[in-house]
Amino acid sequence: MSMIQKDIAIILKIVASCLTAGFLIFFISALSGEDLLKNNNRINELEFLLTEITDELNGGIENRIQQLGEAPTRDPYRRFYCAELAKELH
């Protein structure tokens, strides 16, 4: 029975040390001016933007260029087409 109590005491010490370490990290980062929640939200926003950009690069640009159609043969229309193409690529 005493062996089980020693095991439980060890487990409680491990849990207490993990909680203490977590609180220390939180308070030290708060003292240094780091906002962990704000940083986490910013990381999530950047990941969302990364997926949008990746999707656009994988197929969105080709679809937009196909919607423009063929380049016209007449000069004023050709310039307009090139300007629109440059806008889509940019």
C-alpha atoms as a PDB file:
ATOM      1  CA  MET A   1       0.000   0.000   0.000  1.00  0.00           C
ATOM      2  CA  SER A   2       2.849   2.377   0.741  1.00  0.00           C
ATOM      3  CA  MET A   3       4.245   1.714  -2.751  1.00  0.00           C
ATOM      4  CA  ILE A   4       1.023   3.015  -4.319  1.00  0.00           C
ATOM      5  CA  GLN A   5       1.110   6.113  -2.115  1.00  0.00           C
ATOM      6  CA  LYS A   6       4.698   6.820  -3.212  1.00  0.00           C
ATOM      7  CA  ASP A   7       3.671   6.490  -6.871  1.00  0.00           C
ATOM      8  CA  ILE A   8       0.742   8.862  -6.378  1.00  0.00           C
ATOM      9  CA  ALA A   9       3.004  11.350  -4.584  1.00  0.00           C
ATOM     10  CA  ILE A  10       5.487  11.245  -7.474  1.00  0.00           C
ATOM     11  CA  ILE A  11       2.707  11.790 -10.018  1.00  0.00           C
ATOM     12  CA  LEU A  12       1.350  14.725  -7.986  1.00  0.00           C
ATOM     13  CA  LYS A  13       4.844  16.260  -7.805  1.00  0.00           C
ATOM     14  CA  ILE A  14       5.230  15.942 -11.594  1.00  0.00           C
ATOM     15  CA  VAL A  15       1.838  17.560 -12.213  1.00  0.00           C
ATOM     16  CA  ALA A  16       2.601  20.338  -9.730  1.00  0.00           C
ATOM     17  CA  SER A  17       5.971  21.052 -11.346  1.00  0.00           C
ATOM     18  CA  CYS A  18       4.352  21.199 -14.818  1.00  0.00           C
ATOM     19  CA  LEU A  19       1.715  23.637 -13.577  1.00  0.00           C
ATOM     20  CA  THR A  20       4.373  25.734 -11.860  1.00  0.00           C
ATOM     21  CA  ALA A  21       6.431  25.862 -15.049  1.00  0.00           C
ATOM     22  CA  GLY A  22       3.364  26.899 -17.055  1.00  0.00           C
ATOM     23  CA  PHE A  23       2.533  29.713 -14.645  1.00  0.00           C
ATOM     24  CA  LEU A  24       6.141  30.899 -14.610  1.00  0.00           C
ATOM     25  CA  ILE A  25       6.243  31.033 -18.406  1.00  0.00           C
ATOM     26  CA  PHE A  26       2.991  32.994 -18.466  1.00  0.00           C
ATOM     27  CA  PHE A  27       4.037  35.513 -15.818  1.00  0.00           C
ATOM     28  CA  ILE A  28       7.565  36.024 -17.136  1.00  0.00           C
ATOM     29  CA  SER A  29       6.202  36.613 -20.647  1.00  0.00           C
ATOM     30  CA  ALA A  30       3.657  39.051 -19.191  1.00  0.00           C
ATOM     31  CA  LEU A  31       6.408  40.917 -17.379  1.00  0.00           C
ATOM     32  CA  SER A  32       8.493  41.140 -20.551  1.00  0.00           C
ATOM     33  CA  GLY A  33       5.554  42.576 -22.479  1.00  0.00           C
ATOM     34  CA  GLU A  34       4.771  39.574 -24.675  1.00  0.00           C
ATOM     35  CA  ASP A  35       1.095  38.934 -25.260  1.00  0.00           C
ATOM     36  CA  LEU A  36       0.836  35.210 -25.945  1.00  0.00           C
ATOM     37  CA  LEU A  37      -2.832  35.316 -26.982  1.00  0.00           C
ATOM     38  CA  LYS A  38      -2.207  38.183 -29.404  1.00  0.00           C
ATOM     39  CA  ASN A  39       0.775  36.345 -30.898  1.00  0.00           C
ATOM     40  CA  ASN A  40      -1.293  33.185 -31.291  1.00  0.00           C
ATOM     41  CA  ASN A  41      -4.103  35.096 -33.031  1.00  0.00           C
ATOM     42  CA  ARG A  42      -1.585  36.746 -35.357  1.00  0.00           C
ATOM     43  CA  ILE A  43      -0.102  33.359 -36.244  1.00  0.00           C
ATOM     44  CA  ASN A  44      -3.580  32.038 -37.077  1.00  0.00           C
ATOM     45  CA  GLU A  45      -4.277  35.075 -39.297  1.00  0.00           C
ATOM     46  CA  LEU A  46      -0.987  34.579 -41.134  1.00  0.00           C
ATOM     47  CA  GLU A  47      -1.705  30.881 -41.682  1.00  0.00           C
ATOM     48  CA  PHE A  48      -5.112  31.791 -43.160  1.00  0.00           C
ATOM     49  CA  LEU A  49      -3.471  34.328 -45.496  1.00  0.00           C
ATOM     50  CA  LEU A  50      -0.882  31.740 -46.489  1.00  0.00           C
ATOM     51  CA  THR A  51      -3.590  29.272 -47.516  1.00  0.00           C
ATOM     52  CA  GLU A  52      -5.397  31.965 -49.531  1.00  0.00           C
ATOM     53  CA  ILE A  53      -2.203  32.944 -51.348  1.00  0.00           C
ATOM     54  CA  THR A  54      -1.298  29.312 -52.004  1.00  0.00           C
ATOM     55  CA  ASP A  55      -4.752  28.592 -53.446  1.00  0.00           C
ATOM     56  CA  GLU A  56      -4.516  31.657 -55.666  1.00  0.00           C
ATOM     57  CA  LEU A  57      -1.079  30.669 -56.916  1.00  0.00           C
ATOM     58  CA  ASN A  58      -2.130  27.078 -57.574  1.00  0.00           C
ATOM     59  CA  GLY A  59      -5.001  27.910 -59.884  1.00  0.00           C
ATOM     60  CA  GLY A  60      -6.558  31.299 -59.389  1.00  0.00           C
ATOM     61  CA  ILE A  61      -4.212  33.223 -61.668  1.00  0.00           C
ATOM     62  CA  GLU A  62      -4.699  30.809 -64.577  1.00  0.00           C
ATOM     63  CA  ASN A  63      -8.470  31.038 -64.202  1.00  0.00           C
ATOM     64  CA  ARG A  64      -8.388  34.847 -64.259  1.00  0.00           C
ATOM     65  CA  ILE A  65      -6.184  34.881 -67.356  1.00  0.00           C
ATOM     66  CA  GLN A  66      -8.521  32.444 -69.108  1.00  0.00           C
ATOM     67  CA  GLN A  67     -11.463  34.728 -68.315  1.00  0.00           C
ATOM     68  CA  LEU A  68      -9.715  37.547 -70.183  1.00  0.00           C
ATOM     69  CA  GLY A  69      -9.760  35.484 -73.373  1.00  0.00           C
ATOM     70  CA  GLU A  70      -7.514  35.862 -76.401  1.00  0.00           C
ATOM     71  CA  ALA A  71      -5.461  38.981 -77.057  1.00  0.00           C
ATOM     72  CA  PRO A  72      -7.107  41.269 -79.654  1.00  0.00           C
ATOM     73  CA  THR A  73      -5.273  42.085 -82.881  1.00  0.00           C
ATOM     74  CA  ARG A  74      -6.112  45.807 -83.010  1.00  0.00           C
ATOM     75  CA  ASP A  75      -3.705  48.098 -81.188  1.00  0.00           C
ATOM     76  CA  PRO A  76      -5.934  50.161 -78.805  1.00  0.00           C
ATOM     77  CA  TYR A  77      -7.783  47.049 -77.648  1.00  0.00           C
ATOM     78  CA  ARG A  78      -4.526  45.148 -77.345  1.00  0.00           C
ATOM     79  CA  ARG A  79      -3.144  47.809 -74.978  1.00  0.00           C
ATOM     80  CA  PHE A  80      -6.274  47.611 -72.845  1.00  0.00           C
ATOM     81  CA  TYR A  81      -5.994  43.813 -72.792  1.00  0.00           C
ATOM     82  CA  CYS A  82      -2.342  44.022 -71.726  1.00  0.00           C
ATOM     83  CA  ALA A  83      -3.205  46.487 -68.962  1.00  0.00           C
ATOM     84  CA  GLU A  84      -5.941  44.170 -67.661  1.00  0.00           C
ATOM     85  CA  LEU A  85      -3.588  41.199 -67.856  1.00  0.00           C
ATOM     86  CA  ALA A  86      -0.979  43.104 -65.853  1.00  0.00           C
ATOM     87  CA  LYS A  87      -3.622  43.950 -63.228  1.00  0.00           C
ATOM     88  CA  GLU A  88      -4.601  40.311 -62.904  1.00  0.00           C
ATOM     89  CA  LEU A  89      -1.011  39.193 -62.563  1.00  0.00           C
ATOM     90  CA  HIS A  90      -0.228  41.881 -60.043  1.00  0.00           C
END
